[in-house]
């Protein structure tokens, strides 16, 4: 089985840091934040083996841009698969209730 290289954007890093900080500090739930981080990281790592596991986004604009999305709890990870370089680029992670189409 061929593995893809995982690349993550700075924006994704900022998104993830904000999410974890909010849950840990604002909601005073550090254990929940740690568990969520583990799930997110596990999902991202799994994309190296099966990057096409999740479908292309339903929105016509995002579909045209070839964004895929996967759900982890109440969050959506947006990524693209680049076949020619065998890479998966993780672009954003946002709360499912956010207006994520405008964010991307």
PDB file of N, CA and C in Angstrom:
ATOM      1  N   UNK A   1       0.844  -1.185   0.000  1.00  0.00           N
ATOM      2  CA  UNK A   1       0.000   0.000   0.000  1.00  0.00           C
ATOM      3  C   UNK A   1       0.887   1.246   0.000  1.00  0.00           C
ATOM      4  N   UNK A   2       0.582   2.146  -0.902  1.00  0.00           N
ATOM      5  CA  UNK A   2       1.345   3.384  -1.023  1.00  0.00           C
ATOM      6  C   UNK A   2       0.842   4.410  -0.012  1.00  0.00           C
ATOM      7  N   UNK A   3       1.781   5.083   0.644  1.00  0.00           N
ATOM      8  CA  UNK A   3       1.401   6.114   1.611  1.00  0.00           C
ATOM      9  C   UNK A   3       1.626   7.504   1.027  1.00  0.00           C
ATOM     10  N   UNK A   4       0.737   8.408   1.416  1.00  0.00           N
ATOM     11  CA  UNK A   4       0.824   9.785   1.000  1.00  0.00           C
ATOM     12  C   UNK A   4       1.466  10.603   2.120  1.00  0.00           C
ATOM     13  N   UNK A   5       2.171  11.629   1.724  1.00  0.00           N
ATOM     14  CA  UNK A   5       2.765  12.542   2.699  1.00  0.00           C
ATOM     15  C   UNK A   5       1.691  13.518   3.160  1.00  0.00           C
ATOM     16  N   UNK A   6       1.641  13.783   4.451  1.00  0.00           N
ATOM     17  CA  UNK A   6       0.666  14.723   5.014  1.00  0.00           C
ATOM     18  C   UNK A   6       1.341  16.081   5.206  1.00  0.00           C
ATOM     19  N   UNK A   7       0.734  17.112   4.646  1.00  0.00           N
ATOM     20  CA  UNK A   7       1.182  18.488   4.839  1.00  0.00           C
ATOM     21  C   UNK A   7       0.030  19.259   5.473  1.00  0.00           C
ATOM     22  N   UNK A   8       0.340  20.150   6.396  1.00  0.00           N
ATOM     23  CA  UNK A   8      -0.717  20.946   7.035  1.00  0.00           C
ATOM     24  C   UNK A   8      -0.388  22.430   6.882  1.00  0.00           C
ATOM     25  N   UNK A   9      -1.424  23.202   6.652  1.00  0.00           N
ATOM     26  CA  UNK A   9      -1.243  24.646   6.475  1.00  0.00           C
ATOM     27  C   UNK A   9      -1.094  25.351   7.817  1.00  0.00           C
ATOM     28  N   UNK A  10      -0.534  26.536   7.771  1.00  0.00           N
ATOM     29  CA  UNK A  10      -0.444  27.373   8.973  1.00  0.00           C
ATOM     30  C   UNK A  10      -1.840  27.698   9.490  1.00  0.00           C
ATOM     31  N   UNK A  11      -2.770  27.892   8.575  1.00  0.00           N
ATOM     32  CA  UNK A  11      -4.146  28.202   8.962  1.00  0.00           C
ATOM     33  C   UNK A  11      -4.747  27.044   9.740  1.00  0.00           C
ATOM     34  N   UNK A  12      -4.499  25.834   9.291  1.00  0.00           N
ATOM     35  CA  UNK A  12      -4.975  24.651  10.019  1.00  0.00           C
ATOM     36  C   UNK A  12      -4.385  24.628  11.421  1.00  0.00           C
ATOM     37  N   UNK A  13      -3.094  24.902  11.539  1.00  0.00           N
ATOM     38  CA  UNK A  13      -2.451  24.934  12.860  1.00  0.00           C
ATOM     39  C   UNK A  13      -3.125  25.961  13.777  1.00  0.00           C
ATOM     40  N   UNK A  14      -3.379  27.141  13.235  1.00  0.00           N
ATOM     41  CA  UNK A  14      -4.043  28.187  14.037  1.00  0.00           C
ATOM     42  C   UNK A  14      -5.454  27.774  14.415  1.00  0.00           C
ATOM     43  N   UNK A  15      -6.185  27.202  13.465  1.00  0.00           N
ATOM     44  CA  UNK A  15      -7.539  26.719  13.753  1.00  0.00           C
ATOM     45  C   UNK A  15      -7.517  25.711  14.897  1.00  0.00           C
ATOM     46  N   UNK A  16      -6.641  24.729  14.774  1.00  0.00           N
ATOM     47  CA  UNK A  16      -6.574  23.654  15.764  1.00  0.00           C
ATOM     48  C   UNK A  16      -6.161  24.199  17.125  1.00  0.00           C
ATOM     49  N   UNK A  17      -5.190  25.066  17.140  1.00  0.00           N
ATOM     50  CA  UNK A  17      -4.749  25.660  18.403  1.00  0.00           C
ATOM     51  C   UNK A  17      -5.887  26.427  19.070  1.00  0.00           C
ATOM     52  N   UNK A  18      -6.639  27.182  18.295  1.00  0.00           N
ATOM     53  CA  UNK A  18      -7.773  27.957  18.831  1.00  0.00           C
ATOM     54  C   UNK A  18      -8.851  27.041  19.398  1.00  0.00           C
ATOM     55  N   UNK A  19      -9.139  25.976  18.689  1.00  0.00           N
ATOM     56  CA  UNK A  19     -10.168  25.023  19.134  1.00  0.00           C
ATOM     57  C   UNK A  19      -9.763  24.393  20.462  1.00  0.00           C
ATOM     58  N   UNK A  20      -8.542  23.904  20.524  1.00  0.00           N
ATOM     59  CA  UNK A  20      -8.071  23.216  21.731  1.00  0.00           C
ATOM     60  C   UNK A  20      -7.983  24.194  22.902  1.00  0.00           C
ATOM     61  N   UNK A  21      -7.482  25.388  22.651  1.00  0.00           N
ATOM     62  CA  UNK A  21      -7.392  26.403  23.713  1.00  0.00           C
ATOM     63  C   UNK A  21      -8.783  26.775  24.229  1.00  0.00           C
ATOM     64  N   UNK A  22      -9.734  26.956  23.320  1.00  0.00           N
ATOM     65  CA  UNK A  22     -11.097  27.325  23.717  1.00  0.00           C
ATOM     66  C   UNK A  22     -11.710  26.238  24.607  1.00  0.00           C
ATOM     67  N   UNK A  23     -11.611  24.993  24.179  1.00  0.00           N
ATOM     68  CA  UNK A  23     -12.204  23.895  24.961  1.00  0.00           C
ATOM     69  C   UNK A  23     -11.497  23.750  26.307  1.00  0.00           C
ATOM     70  N   UNK A  24     -10.194  23.828  26.277  1.00  0.00           N
ATOM     71  CA  UNK A  24      -9.416  23.634  27.494  1.00  0.00           C
ATOM     72  C   UNK A  24      -9.608  24.760  28.505  1.00  0.00           C
ATOM     73  N   UNK A  25      -9.535  26.012  28.032  1.00  0.00           N
ATOM     74  CA  UNK A  25      -9.563  27.156  28.943  1.00  0.00           C
ATOM     75  C   UNK A  25     -10.964  27.758  29.118  1.00  0.00           C
ATOM     76  N   UNK A  26     -11.602  28.078  28.013  1.00  0.00           N
ATOM     77  CA  UNK A  26     -12.915  28.730  28.116  1.00  0.00           C
ATOM     78  C   UNK A  26     -13.989  27.795  28.667  1.00  0.00           C
ATOM     79  N   UNK A  27     -13.943  26.540  28.242  1.00  0.00           N
ATOM     80  CA  UNK A  27     -14.921  25.572  28.723  1.00  0.00           C
ATOM     81  C   UNK A  27     -14.413  24.804  29.936  1.00  0.00           C
ATOM     82  N   UNK A  28     -13.168  25.078  30.303  1.00  0.00           N
ATOM     83  CA  UNK A  28     -12.539  24.430  31.456  1.00  0.00           C
ATOM     84  C   UNK A  28     -12.637  22.904  31.359  1.00  0.00           C
ATOM     85  N   UNK A  29     -12.265  22.379  30.177  1.00  0.00           N
ATOM     86  CA  UNK A  29     -12.353  20.942  29.923  1.00  0.00           C
ATOM     87  C   UNK A  29     -11.068  20.436  29.268  1.00  0.00           C
ATOM     88  N   UNK A  30      -9.954  20.474  29.984  1.00  0.00           N
ATOM     89  CA  UNK A  30      -8.683  20.054  29.378  1.00  0.00           C
ATOM     90  C   UNK A  30      -8.662  18.592  28.943  1.00  0.00           C
ATOM     91  N   UNK A  31      -9.344  17.706  29.684  1.00  0.00           N
ATOM     92  CA  UNK A  31      -9.380  16.301  29.285  1.00  0.00           C
ATOM     93  C   UNK A  31     -10.122  16.139  27.951  1.00  0.00           C
ATOM     94  N   UNK A  32     -11.221  16.839  27.813  1.00  0.00           N
ATOM     95  CA  UNK A  32     -11.992  16.793  26.563  1.00  0.00           C
ATOM     96  C   UNK A  32     -11.158  17.332  25.408  1.00  0.00           C
ATOM     97  N   UNK A  33     -10.449  18.428  25.655  1.00  0.00           N
ATOM     98  CA  UNK A  33      -9.595  19.020  24.618  1.00  0.00           C
ATOM     99  C   UNK A  33      -8.501  18.041  24.199  1.00  0.00           C
ATOM    100  N   UNK A  34      -7.895  17.375  25.168  1.00  0.00           N
ATOM    101  CA  UNK A  34      -6.836  16.420  24.871  1.00  0.00           C
ATOM    102  C   UNK A  34      -7.369  15.227  24.076  1.00  0.00           C
ATOM    103  N   UNK A  35      -8.527  14.740  24.453  1.00  0.00           N
ATOM    104  CA  UNK A  35      -9.147  13.616  23.741  1.00  0.00           C
ATOM    105  C   UNK A  35      -9.495  14.011  22.304  1.00  0.00           C
ATOM    106  N   UNK A  36     -10.048  15.199  22.127  1.00  0.00           N
ATOM    107  CA  UNK A  36     -10.384  15.681  20.784  1.00  0.00           C
ATOM    108  C   UNK A  36      -9.119  15.812  19.942  1.00  0.00           C
ATOM    109  N   UNK A  37      -8.070  16.371  20.514  1.00  0.00           N
ATOM    110  CA  UNK A  37      -6.807  16.513  19.783  1.00  0.00           C
ATOM    111  C   UNK A  37      -6.296  15.146  19.327  1.00  0.00           C
ATOM    112  N   UNK A  38      -6.364  14.156  20.191  1.00  0.00           N
ATOM    113  CA  UNK A  38      -5.940  12.803  19.821  1.00  0.00           C
ATOM    114  C   UNK A  38      -6.759  12.267  18.650  1.00  0.00           C
ATOM    115  N   UNK A  39      -8.064  12.475  18.689  1.00  0.00           N
ATOM    116  CA  UNK A  39      -8.933  11.992  17.602  1.00  0.00           C
ATOM    117  C   UNK A  39      -8.632  12.701  16.290  1.00  0.00           C
ATOM    118  N   UNK A  40      -8.429  14.005  16.361  1.00  0.00           N
ATOM    119  CA  UNK A  40      -8.122  14.778  15.153  1.00  0.00           C
ATOM    120  C   UNK A  40      -6.798  14.316  14.564  1.00  0.00           C
ATOM    121  N   UNK A  41      -5.784  14.199  15.402  1.00  0.00           N
ATOM    122  CA  UNK A  41      -4.475  13.776  14.915  1.00  0.00           C
ATOM    123  C   UNK A  41      -4.529  12.368  14.325  1.00  0.00           C
ATOM    124  N   UNK A  42      -5.264  11.483  14.944  1.00  0.00           N
ATOM    125  CA  UNK A  42      -5.409  10.122  14.433  1.00  0.00           C
ATOM    126  C   UNK A  42      -6.083  10.127  13.060  1.00  0.00           C
ATOM    127  N   UNK A  43      -7.105  10.946  12.914  1.00  0.00           N
ATOM    128  CA  UNK A  43      -7.809  11.036  11.631  1.00  0.00           C
ATOM    129  C   UNK A  43      -6.889  11.571  10.545  1.00  0.00           C
ATOM    130  N   UNK A  44      -6.149  12.614  10.859  1.00  0.00           N
ATOM    131  CA  UNK A  44      -5.233  13.212   9.876  1.00  0.00           C
ATOM    132  C   UNK A  44      -4.165  12.197   9.467  1.00  0.00           C
ATOM    133  N   UNK A  45      -3.571  11.512  10.431  1.00  0.00           N
ATOM    134  CA  UNK A  45      -2.547  10.513  10.119  1.00  0.00           C
ATOM    135  C   UNK A  45      -3.123   9.393   9.249  1.00  0.00           C
ATOM    136  N   UNK A  46      -4.359   9.011   9.498  1.00  0.00           N
ATOM    137  CA  UNK A  46      -4.971   7.925   8.720  1.00  0.00           C
ATOM    138  C   UNK A  46      -5.131   8.291   7.246  1.00  0.00           C
ATOM    139  N   UNK A  47      -5.156   9.573   6.945  1.00  0.00           N
ATOM    140  CA  UNK A  47      -5.283  10.003   5.551  1.00  0.00           C
ATOM    141  C   UNK A  47      -4.059   9.639   4.722  1.00  0.00           C
ATOM    142  N   UNK A  48      -2.930   9.394   5.368  1.00  0.00           N
ATOM    143  CA  UNK A  48      -1.734   9.005   4.614  1.00  0.00           C
ATOM    144  C   UNK A  48      -1.923   7.636   3.964  1.00  0.00           C
ATOM    145  N   UNK A  49      -2.704   6.779   4.576  1.00  0.00           N
ATOM    146  CA  UNK A  49      -2.937   5.442   4.027  1.00  0.00           C
ATOM    147  C   UNK A  49      -4.134   5.399   3.079  1.00  0.00           C
ATOM    148  N   UNK A  50      -5.202   6.118   3.436  1.00  0.00           N
ATOM    149  CA  UNK A  50      -6.427   6.073   2.624  1.00  0.00           C
ATOM    150  C   UNK A  50      -6.951   7.510   2.446  1.00  0.00           C
ATOM    151  N   UNK A  51      -6.302   8.296   1.597  1.00  0.00           N
ATOM    152  CA  UNK A  51      -6.698   9.702   1.462  1.00  0.00           C
ATOM    153  C   UNK A  51      -8.063   9.924   0.813  1.00  0.00           C
ATOM    154  N   UNK A  52      -8.538   8.942   0.067  1.00  0.00           N
ATOM    155  CA  UNK A  52      -9.826   9.092  -0.620  1.00  0.00           C
ATOM    156  C   UNK A  52     -10.986   8.533   0.203  1.00  0.00           C
ATOM    157  N   UNK A  53     -10.721   8.210   1.458  1.00  0.00           N
ATOM    158  CA  UNK A  53     -11.737   7.634   2.348  1.00  0.00           C
ATOM    159  C   UNK A  53     -12.961   8.539   2.452  1.00  0.00           C
ATOM    160  N   UNK A  54     -12.731   9.829   2.509  1.00  0.00           N
ATOM    161  CA  UNK A  54     -13.830  10.789   2.663  1.00  0.00           C
ATOM    162  C   UNK A  54     -14.122  11.441   1.318  1.00  0.00           C
ATOM    163  N   UNK A  55     -15.379  11.773   1.114  1.00  0.00           N
ATOM    164  CA  UNK A  55     -15.804  12.295  -0.171  1.00  0.00           C
ATOM    165  C   UNK A  55     -15.453  13.750  -0.413  1.00  0.00           C
ATOM    166  N   UNK A  56     -15.621  14.120  -1.667  1.00  0.00           N
ATOM    167  CA  UNK A  56     -15.447  15.515  -2.060  1.00  0.00           C
ATOM    168  C   UNK A  56     -16.612  16.309  -1.466  1.00  0.00           C
ATOM    169  N   UNK A  57     -16.342  17.539  -1.071  1.00  0.00           N
ATOM    170  CA  UNK A  57     -17.358  18.391  -0.443  1.00  0.00           C
ATOM    171  C   UNK A  57     -18.573  18.542  -1.344  1.00  0.00           C
ATOM    172  N   UNK A  58     -19.752  18.658  -0.733  1.00  0.00           N
ATOM    173  CA  UNK A  58     -21.012  18.774  -1.469  1.00  0.00           C
ATOM    174  C   UNK A  58     -21.181  20.114  -2.165  1.00  0.00           C
ATOM    175  N   UNK A  59     -20.659  21.160  -1.563  1.00  0.00           N
ATOM    176  CA  UNK A  59     -20.814  22.502  -2.114  1.00  0.00           C
ATOM    177  C   UNK A  59     -20.161  22.587  -3.501  1.00  0.00           C
ATOM    178  N   UNK A  60     -20.854  23.162  -4.500  1.00  0.00           N
ATOM    179  CA  UNK A  60     -20.304  23.221  -5.861  1.00  0.00           C
ATOM    180  C   UNK A  60     -18.952  23.936  -5.950  1.00  0.00           C
ATOM    181  N   UNK A  61     -18.782  25.030  -5.217  1.00  0.00           N
ATOM    182  CA  UNK A  61     -17.504  25.758  -5.245  1.00  0.00           C
ATOM    183  C   UNK A  61     -16.386  24.890  -4.679  1.00  0.00           C
ATOM    184  N   UNK A  62     -16.636  24.272  -3.525  1.00  0.00           N
ATOM    185  CA  UNK A  62     -15.613  23.435  -2.899  1.00  0.00           C
ATOM    186  C   UNK A  62     -15.342  22.179  -3.721  1.00  0.00           C
ATOM    187  N   UNK A  63     -16.384  21.642  -4.337  1.00  0.00           N
ATOM    188  CA  UNK A  63     -16.212  20.480  -5.209  1.00  0.00           C
ATOM    189  C   UNK A  63     -15.325  20.843  -6.396  1.00  0.00           C
ATOM    190  N   UNK A  64     -15.572  22.017  -6.986  1.00  0.00           N
ATOM    191  CA  UNK A  64     -14.763  22.482  -8.113  1.00  0.00           C
ATOM    192  C   UNK A  64     -13.293  22.624  -7.708  1.00  0.00           C
ATOM    193  N   UNK A  65     -13.047  23.036  -6.483  1.00  0.00           N
ATOM    194  CA  UNK A  65     -11.687  23.198  -5.961  1.00  0.00           C
ATOM    195  C   UNK A  65     -11.109  21.879  -5.444  1.00  0.00           C
ATOM    196  N   UNK A  66     -11.883  20.792  -5.536  1.00  0.00           N
ATOM    197  CA  UNK A  66     -11.473  19.434  -5.146  1.00  0.00           C
ATOM    198  C   UNK A  66     -11.221  19.279  -3.647  1.00  0.00           C
ATOM    199  N   UNK A  67     -11.924  20.066  -2.832  1.00  0.00           N
ATOM    200  CA  UNK A  67     -11.808  19.910  -1.389  1.00  0.00           C
ATOM    201  C   UNK A  67     -12.567  18.670  -0.939  1.00  0.00           C
ATOM    202  N   UNK A  68     -11.943  17.904  -0.093  1.00  0.00           N
ATOM    203  CA  UNK A  68     -12.587  16.789   0.586  1.00  0.00           C
ATOM    204  C   UNK A  68     -12.821  17.217   2.024  1.00  0.00           C
ATOM    205  N   UNK A  69     -13.746  16.538   2.687  1.00  0.00           N
ATOM    206  CA  UNK A  69     -13.989  16.890   4.081  1.00  0.00           C
ATOM    207  C   UNK A  69     -14.261  15.639   4.891  1.00  0.00           C
ATOM    208  N   UNK A  70     -13.791  15.683   6.130  1.00  0.00           N
ATOM    209  CA  UNK A  70     -14.097  14.600   7.052  1.00  0.00           C
ATOM    210  C   UNK A  70     -14.503  15.209   8.388  1.00  0.00           C
ATOM    211  N   UNK A  71     -15.358  14.493   9.088  1.00  0.00           N
ATOM    212  CA  UNK A  71     -15.893  14.962  10.364  1.00  0.00           C
ATOM    213  C   UNK A  71     -15.192  14.259  11.519  1.00  0.00           C
ATOM    214  N   UNK A  72     -14.846  15.057  12.513  1.00  0.00           N
ATOM    215  CA  UNK A  72     -14.340  14.539  13.788  1.00  0.00           C
ATOM    216  C   UNK A  72     -15.135  15.265  14.859  1.00  0.00           C
ATOM    217  N   UNK A  73     -16.011  14.510  15.524  1.00  0.00           N
ATOM    218  CA  UNK A  73     -16.932  15.102  16.507  1.00  0.00           C
ATOM    219  C   UNK A  73     -17.716  16.218  15.825  1.00  0.00           C
ATOM    220  N   UNK A  74     -17.641  17.445  16.364  1.00  0.00           N
ATOM    221  CA  UNK A  74     -18.388  18.584  15.813  1.00  0.00           C
ATOM    222  C   UNK A  74     -17.547  19.429  14.866  1.00  0.00           C
ATOM    223  N   UNK A  75     -16.460  18.886  14.358  1.00  0.00           N
ATOM    224  CA  UNK A  75     -15.537  19.647  13.529  1.00  0.00           C
ATOM    225  C   UNK A  75     -15.394  19.004  12.157  1.00  0.00           C
ATOM    226  N   UNK A  76     -15.059  19.844  11.183  1.00  0.00           N
ATOM    227  CA  UNK A  76     -14.853  19.378   9.813  1.00  0.00           C
ATOM    228  C   UNK A  76     -13.425  19.737   9.410  1.00  0.00           C
ATOM    229  N   UNK A  77     -12.720  18.743   8.906  1.00  0.00           N
ATOM    230  CA  UNK A  77     -11.376  18.952   8.375  1.00  0.00           C
ATOM    231  C   UNK A  77     -11.494  19.008   6.855  1.00  0.00           C
ATOM    232  N   UNK A  78     -10.963  20.075   6.265  1.00  0.00           N
ATOM    233  CA  UNK A  78     -10.970  20.230   4.815  1.00  0.00           C
ATOM    234  C   UNK A  78      -9.565  19.972   4.286  1.00  0.00           C
ATOM    235  N   UNK A  79      -9.492  19.138   3.261  1.00  0.00           N
ATOM    236  CA  UNK A  79      -8.180  18.788   2.714  1.00  0.00           C
ATOM    237  C   UNK A  79      -8.281  18.498   1.221  1.00  0.00           C
ATOM    238  N   UNK A  80      -7.119  18.440   0.573  1.00  0.00           N
ATOM    239  CA  UNK A  80      -7.029  18.082  -0.836  1.00  0.00           C
ATOM    240  C   UNK A  80      -6.010  16.974  -1.003  1.00  0.00           C
ATOM    241  N   UNK A  81      -6.280  16.100  -1.954  1.00  0.00           N
ATOM    242  CA  UNK A  81      -5.352  15.032  -2.301  1.00  0.00           C
ATOM    243  C   UNK A  81      -4.674  15.430  -3.612  1.00  0.00           C
ATOM    244  N   UNK A  82      -3.352  15.383  -3.612  1.00  0.00           N
ATOM    245  CA  UNK A  82      -2.566  15.699  -4.813  1.00  0.00           C
ATOM    246  C   UNK A  82      -1.894  14.409  -5.277  1.00  0.00           C
ATOM    247  N   UNK A  83      -2.498  13.809  -6.276  1.00  0.00           N
ATOM    248  CA  UNK A  83      -2.031  12.502  -6.761  1.00  0.00           C
ATOM    249  C   UNK A  83      -0.619  12.562  -7.326  1.00  0.00           C
ATOM    250  N   UNK A  84      -0.330  13.599  -8.093  1.00  0.00           N
ATOM    251  CA  UNK A  84       0.972  13.663  -8.767  1.00  0.00           C
ATOM    252  C   UNK A  84       2.150  13.690  -7.785  1.00  0.00           C
ATOM    253  N   UNK A  85       1.958  14.327  -6.633  1.00  0.00           N
ATOM    254  CA  UNK A  85       3.028  14.388  -5.621  1.00  0.00           C
ATOM    255  C   UNK A  85       2.784  13.422  -4.456  1.00  0.00           C
ATOM    256  N   UNK A  86       1.676  12.698  -4.507  1.00  0.00           N
ATOM    257  CA  UNK A  86       1.303  11.760  -3.434  1.00  0.00           C
ATOM    258  C   UNK A  86       1.304  12.452  -2.077  1.00  0.00           C
ATOM    259  N   UNK A  87       0.616  13.597  -2.041  1.00  0.00           N
ATOM    260  CA  UNK A  87       0.499  14.353  -0.791  1.00  0.00           C
ATOM    261  C   UNK A  87      -0.958  14.634  -0.473  1.00  0.00           C
ATOM    262  N   UNK A  88      -1.213  14.821   0.806  1.00  0.00           N
ATOM    263  CA  UNK A  88      -2.510  15.260   1.296  1.00  0.00           C
ATOM    264  C   UNK A  88      -2.249  16.581   2.006  1.00  0.00           C
ATOM    265  N   UNK A  89      -2.912  17.627   1.532  1.00  0.00           N
ATOM    266  CA  UNK A  89      -2.751  18.951   2.130  1.00  0.00           C
ATOM    267  C   UNK A  89      -3.968  19.256   2.989  1.00  0.00           C
ATOM    268  N   UNK A  90      -3.733  19.409   4.293  1.00  0.00           N
ATOM    269  CA  UNK A  90      -4.800  19.741   5.232  1.00  0.00           C
ATOM    270  C   UNK A  90      -4.896  21.263   5.274  1.00  0.00           C
ATOM    271  N   UNK A  91      -6.061  21.808   4.907  1.00  0.00           N
ATOM    272  CA  UNK A  91      -6.211  23.258   4.790  1.00  0.00           C
ATOM    273  C   UNK A  91      -6.819  23.902   6.033  1.00  0.00           C
ATOM    274  N   UNK A  92      -7.941  23.388   6.503  1.00  0.00           N
ATOM    275  CA  UNK A  92      -8.653  24.030   7.612  1.00  0.00           C
ATOM    276  C   UNK A  92      -9.336  22.987   8.477  1.00  0.00           C
ATOM    277  N   UNK A  93      -9.609  23.386   9.715  1.00  0.00           N
ATOM    278  CA  UNK A  93     -10.521  22.633  10.583  1.00  0.00           C
ATOM    279  C   UNK A  93     -11.432  23.668  11.218  1.00  0.00           C
ATOM    280  N   UNK A  94     -12.730  23.459  11.084  1.00  0.00           N
ATOM    281  CA  UNK A  94     -13.710  24.431  11.577  1.00  0.00           C
ATOM    282  C   UNK A  94     -14.856  23.696  12.269  1.00  0.00           C
ATOM    283  N   UNK A  95     -15.539  24.409  13.135  1.00  0.00           N
ATOM    284  CA  UNK A  95     -16.717  23.844  13.780  1.00  0.00           C
ATOM    285  C   UNK A  95     -17.802  23.683  12.725  1.00  0.00           C
ATOM    286  N   UNK A  96     -18.527  22.594  12.796  1.00  0.00           N
ATOM    287  CA  UNK A  96     -19.545  22.286  11.786  1.00  0.00           C
ATOM    288  C   UNK A  96     -20.638  23.344  11.692  1.00  0.00           C
ATOM    289  N   UNK A  97     -20.882  24.092  12.776  1.00  0.00           N
ATOM    290  CA  UNK A  97     -21.930  25.102  12.739  1.00  0.00           C
ATOM    291  C   UNK A  97     -21.442  26.448  12.211  1.00  0.00           C
ATOM    292  N   UNK A  98     -20.140  26.574  11.975  1.00  0.00           N
ATOM    293  CA  UNK A  98     -19.630  27.800  11.380  1.00  0.00           C
ATOM    294  C   UNK A  98     -20.036  27.863   9.923  1.00  0.00           C
ATOM    295  N   UNK A  99     -20.033  29.053   9.367  1.00  0.00           N
ATOM    296  CA  UNK A  99     -20.306  29.219   7.944  1.00  0.00           C
ATOM    297  C   UNK A  99     -19.005  28.913   7.203  1.00  0.00           C
ATOM    298  N   UNK A 100     -18.689  27.632   7.101  1.00  0.00           N
ATOM    299  CA  UNK A 100     -17.391  27.214   6.611  1.00  0.00           C
ATOM    300  C   UNK A 100     -17.178  27.476   5.124  1.00  0.00           C
ATOM    301  N   UNK A 101     -18.237  27.612   4.360  1.00  0.00           N
ATOM    302  CA  UNK A 101     -18.059  27.908   2.936  1.00  0.00           C
ATOM    303  C   UNK A 101     -17.433  29.290   2.770  1.00  0.00           C
ATOM    304  N   UNK A 102     -17.857  30.251   3.580  1.00  0.00           N
ATOM    305  CA  UNK A 102     -17.251  31.585   3.517  1.00  0.00           C
ATOM    306  C   UNK A 102     -15.835  31.595   4.068  1.00  0.00           C
ATOM    307  N   UNK A 103     -15.537  30.696   5.006  1.00  0.00           N
ATOM    308  CA  UNK A 103     -14.215  30.633   5.613  1.00  0.00           C
ATOM    309  C   UNK A 103     -13.183  30.134   4.603  1.00  0.00           C
ATOM    310  N   UNK A 104     -13.579  29.173   3.778  1.00  0.00           N
ATOM    311  CA  UNK A 104     -12.652  28.621   2.804  1.00  0.00           C
ATOM    312  C   UNK A 104     -12.553  29.516   1.603  1.00  0.00           C
TER     313      UNK A 104
END
